[in-house]
Structure formats: structure tokens, C-alpha cells
Amino acid sequence: MTVDEITTIADEILTRHLAASGYERVEGRPGCDQSDEPSLFVVAHMKPGSGVTEGKESNAANAALWLALREIGEERFPYLDFDYPDDEIFGDDDDDDREMDDRDSEVNA
């Protein structure tokens, strides 16, 4: 499946499961997980002031996304992450992002 197809499906599912929690839009990209298995990395961008999503809602959204993708033949596991614009950035968070960017560039090279 293409990134656009996955993003379209993810948007439908995340809207259904997370709209009440402040879901705004989705981003998706392929990559490899910590075991070097092909995976999908999906980011749910939330509206400012939405607060942290409850575990029950986020788990239901992740499960629904995984099941929907499997039903149409997608074998890569979707790792769902949340982006809250009001989150504080702590001292070492920038370093973690830089390390992820470096690893991604090696995977996609």
C-alpha cells in the first residue's frame, strides 16, 4: 500500500475514534521498528488544548487501525504516536528526535 492510501484509512479511523479527544490530522511514513521489521509510523496530531488522550481511546484507535490495515492486506504493523502542540519539550527530547532522524535516514537510504 502507498503512504497516501494508508494515510486516508488512518484518517478515517482516527477521526472515528479520536475526534472527541481533539484529533486534527494524521501523518504516516514507512520505516523499520527496533527489530528491523518493516513497519508504519503513524502520528495523530491533536488540536491545541486537547489534553492527553485516555488510554482506552488510544488503544481502541490503534487496534482499529491495525485491524483495518490487515483486512486489506497490509502486513506492516502501525505504531501510533500522538503529537500534542501544548506538550513541553524537556532537555533531552531534542536529542531523541535527532537520533530518530539519523536512524530514519539510514533506513530509507
C-alpha atoms as a PDB file:
ATOM      1  CA  MET A   1       0.000   0.000   0.000  1.00  0.00           C
ATOM      2  CA  THR A   2       1.109   3.552  -0.617  1.00  0.00           C
ATOM      3  CA  VAL A   3       1.586   6.130   2.121  1.00  0.00           C
ATOM      4  CA  ASP A   4      -1.384   8.090   0.722  1.00  0.00           C
ATOM      5  CA  GLU A   5      -3.673   5.044   0.911  1.00  0.00           C
ATOM      6  CA  ILE A   6      -2.559   4.277   4.456  1.00  0.00           C
ATOM      7  CA  THR A   7      -2.977   7.918   5.487  1.00  0.00           C
ATOM      8  CA  THR A   8      -6.522   8.011   4.084  1.00  0.00           C
ATOM      9  CA  ILE A   9      -7.516   4.887   6.016  1.00  0.00           C
ATOM     10  CA  ALA A  10      -5.767   6.095   9.164  1.00  0.00           C
ATOM     11  CA  ASP A  11      -7.541   9.450   8.981  1.00  0.00           C
ATOM     12  CA  GLU A  12     -10.961   7.779   8.736  1.00  0.00           C
ATOM     13  CA  ILE A  13     -10.257   5.507  11.708  1.00  0.00           C
ATOM     14  CA  LEU A  14      -8.623   8.140  13.891  1.00  0.00           C
ATOM     15  CA  THR A  15     -11.444  10.588  13.182  1.00  0.00           C
ATOM     16  CA  ARG A  16     -13.957   7.952  14.253  1.00  0.00           C
ATOM     17  CA  HIS A  17     -12.094   7.050  17.448  1.00  0.00           C
ATOM     18  CA  LEU A  18     -10.385  10.288  18.477  1.00  0.00           C
ATOM     19  CA  ALA A  19     -12.451  13.243  17.211  1.00  0.00           C
ATOM     20  CA  ALA A  20     -13.921  13.817  20.671  1.00  0.00           C
ATOM     21  CA  SER A  21     -10.374  13.890  22.087  1.00  0.00           C
ATOM     22  CA  GLY A  22      -9.216  16.666  19.762  1.00  0.00           C
ATOM     23  CA  TYR A  23      -7.874  14.723  16.780  1.00  0.00           C
ATOM     24  CA  GLU A  24      -6.935  17.071  13.930  1.00  0.00           C
ATOM     25  CA  ARG A  25      -4.916  15.243  11.254  1.00  0.00           C
ATOM     26  CA  VAL A  26      -2.617  12.296  10.609  1.00  0.00           C
ATOM     27  CA  GLU A  27       0.858  11.759   9.204  1.00  0.00           C
ATOM     28  CA  GLY A  28       2.243   8.405   8.214  1.00  0.00           C
ATOM     29  CA  ARG A  29       5.539   7.067   6.974  1.00  0.00           C
ATOM     30  CA  PRO A  30       7.090   3.658   6.431  1.00  0.00           C
ATOM     31  CA  GLY A  31      10.179   2.590   8.307  1.00  0.00           C
ATOM     32  CA  CYS A  32      11.624  -0.238  10.360  1.00  0.00           C
ATOM     33  CA  ASP A  33      10.984  -0.932  14.021  1.00  0.00           C
ATOM     34  CA  GLN A  34      13.580  -1.785  16.686  1.00  0.00           C
ATOM     35  CA  SER A  35      13.823  -5.330  15.286  1.00  0.00           C
ATOM     36  CA  ASP A  36      14.355  -4.030  11.737  1.00  0.00           C
ATOM     37  CA  GLU A  37      10.909  -5.268  10.727  1.00  0.00           C
ATOM     38  CA  PRO A  38       9.094  -3.178   8.107  1.00  0.00           C
ATOM     39  CA  SER A  39       6.578  -1.015   9.992  1.00  0.00           C
ATOM     40  CA  LEU A  40       4.379   2.043   9.702  1.00  0.00           C
ATOM     41  CA  PHE A  41       4.804   5.076  11.899  1.00  0.00           C
ATOM     42  CA  VAL A  42       1.557   6.988  12.290  1.00  0.00           C
ATOM     43  CA  VAL A  43       1.293  10.309  14.122  1.00  0.00           C
ATOM     44  CA  ALA A  44      -2.083  11.631  15.260  1.00  0.00           C
ATOM     45  CA  HIS A  45      -1.797  15.403  15.505  1.00  0.00           C
ATOM     46  CA  MET A  46      -4.116  16.779  18.162  1.00  0.00           C
ATOM     47  CA  LYS A  47      -5.650  20.247  18.464  1.00  0.00           C
ATOM     48  CA  PRO A  48      -4.149  22.750  20.916  1.00  0.00           C
ATOM     49  CA  GLY A  49      -5.649  22.421  24.377  1.00  0.00           C
ATOM     50  CA  SER A  50      -6.982  18.922  23.751  1.00  0.00           C
ATOM     51  CA  GLY A  51      -5.135  17.364  26.670  1.00  0.00           C
ATOM     52  CA  VAL A  52      -3.842  13.807  26.866  1.00  0.00           C
ATOM     53  CA  THR A  53      -5.942  11.111  25.207  1.00  0.00           C
ATOM     54  CA  GLU A  54      -7.245   8.418  27.541  1.00  0.00           C
ATOM     55  CA  GLY A  55      -5.600   5.011  27.211  1.00  0.00           C
ATOM     56  CA  LYS A  56      -8.853   3.257  26.346  1.00  0.00           C
ATOM     57  CA  GLU A  57      -9.421   5.603  23.395  1.00  0.00           C
ATOM     58  CA  SER A  58      -5.857   5.487  22.102  1.00  0.00           C
ATOM     59  CA  ASN A  59      -5.694   1.691  22.382  1.00  0.00           C
ATOM     60  CA  ALA A  60      -9.041   1.309  20.593  1.00  0.00           C
ATOM     61  CA  ALA A  61      -7.842   3.597  17.790  1.00  0.00           C
ATOM     62  CA  ASN A  62      -4.562   1.706  17.421  1.00  0.00           C
ATOM     63  CA  ALA A  63      -6.320  -1.678  17.378  1.00  0.00           C
ATOM     64  CA  ALA A  64      -8.905  -0.482  14.843  1.00  0.00           C
ATOM     65  CA  LEU A  65      -6.152   0.887  12.618  1.00  0.00           C
ATOM     66  CA  TRP A  66      -4.159  -2.336  12.750  1.00  0.00           C
ATOM     67  CA  LEU A  67      -7.212  -4.499  12.030  1.00  0.00           C
ATOM     68  CA  ALA A  68      -8.389  -2.316   9.131  1.00  0.00           C
ATOM     69  CA  LEU A  69      -4.959  -2.382   7.512  1.00  0.00           C
ATOM     70  CA  ARG A  70      -4.643  -6.158   7.960  1.00  0.00           C
ATOM     71  CA  GLU A  71      -8.065  -6.684   6.371  1.00  0.00           C
ATOM     72  CA  ILE A  72      -6.852  -5.078   3.153  1.00  0.00           C
ATOM     73  CA  GLY A  73      -3.556  -6.951   3.079  1.00  0.00           C
ATOM     74  CA  GLU A  74      -1.149  -4.541   4.778  1.00  0.00           C
ATOM     75  CA  GLU A  75       1.344  -6.603   6.773  1.00  0.00           C
ATOM     76  CA  ARG A  76       3.362  -3.798   8.404  1.00  0.00           C
ATOM     77  CA  PHE A  77       2.408  -3.005  11.990  1.00  0.00           C
ATOM     78  CA  PRO A  78       1.268   0.599  12.585  1.00  0.00           C
ATOM     79  CA  TYR A  79       2.961   2.286  15.533  1.00  0.00           C
ATOM     80  CA  LEU A  80       0.614   5.063  16.636  1.00  0.00           C
ATOM     81  CA  ASP A  81       2.046   8.145  18.297  1.00  0.00           C
ATOM     82  CA  PHE A  82       0.349  11.350  19.407  1.00  0.00           C
ATOM     83  CA  ASP A  83       1.512  14.913  18.864  1.00  0.00           C
ATOM     84  CA  TYR A  84       0.109  17.425  21.344  1.00  0.00           C
ATOM     85  CA  PRO A  85       1.045  21.003  20.402  1.00  0.00           C
ATOM     86  CA  ASP A  86       0.883  22.059  24.057  1.00  0.00           C
ATOM     87  CA  ASP A  87       3.461  19.479  25.199  1.00  0.00           C
ATOM     88  CA  GLU A  88       6.528  20.785  26.941  1.00  0.00           C
ATOM     89  CA  ILE A  89       9.863  19.861  25.397  1.00  0.00           C
ATOM     90  CA  PHE A  90      12.263  18.639  28.034  1.00  0.00           C
ATOM     91  CA  GLY A  91      16.041  18.935  27.877  1.00  0.00           C
ATOM     92  CA  ASP A  92      16.915  15.646  26.183  1.00  0.00           C
ATOM     93  CA  ASP A  93      13.821  15.347  23.946  1.00  0.00           C
ATOM     94  CA  ASP A  94      15.540  17.222  21.110  1.00  0.00           C
ATOM     95  CA  ASP A  95      18.415  14.717  21.207  1.00  0.00           C
ATOM     96  CA  ASP A  96      15.967  11.806  20.946  1.00  0.00           C
ATOM     97  CA  ASP A  97      14.356  13.378  17.850  1.00  0.00           C
ATOM     98  CA  ARG A  98      17.744  13.922  16.230  1.00  0.00           C
ATOM     99  CA  GLU A  99      18.711  10.285  16.857  1.00  0.00           C
ATOM    100  CA  MET A 100      15.434   9.121  15.295  1.00  0.00           C
ATOM    101  CA  ASP A 101      16.005  11.338  12.257  1.00  0.00           C
ATOM    102  CA  ASP A 102      19.520   9.889  11.834  1.00  0.00           C
ATOM    103  CA  ARG A 103      18.217   6.331  12.099  1.00  0.00           C
ATOM    104  CA  ASP A 104      15.406   7.060   9.640  1.00  0.00           C
ATOM    105  CA  SER A 105      17.818   8.441   7.060  1.00  0.00           C
ATOM    106  CA  GLU A 106      19.902   5.244   7.321  1.00  0.00           C
ATOM    107  CA  VAL A 107      16.799   3.043   6.934  1.00  0.00           C
ATOM    108  CA  ASN A 108      15.455   4.958   3.948  1.00  0.00           C
ATOM    109  CA  ALA A 109      18.827   5.310   2.200  1.00  0.00           C
END
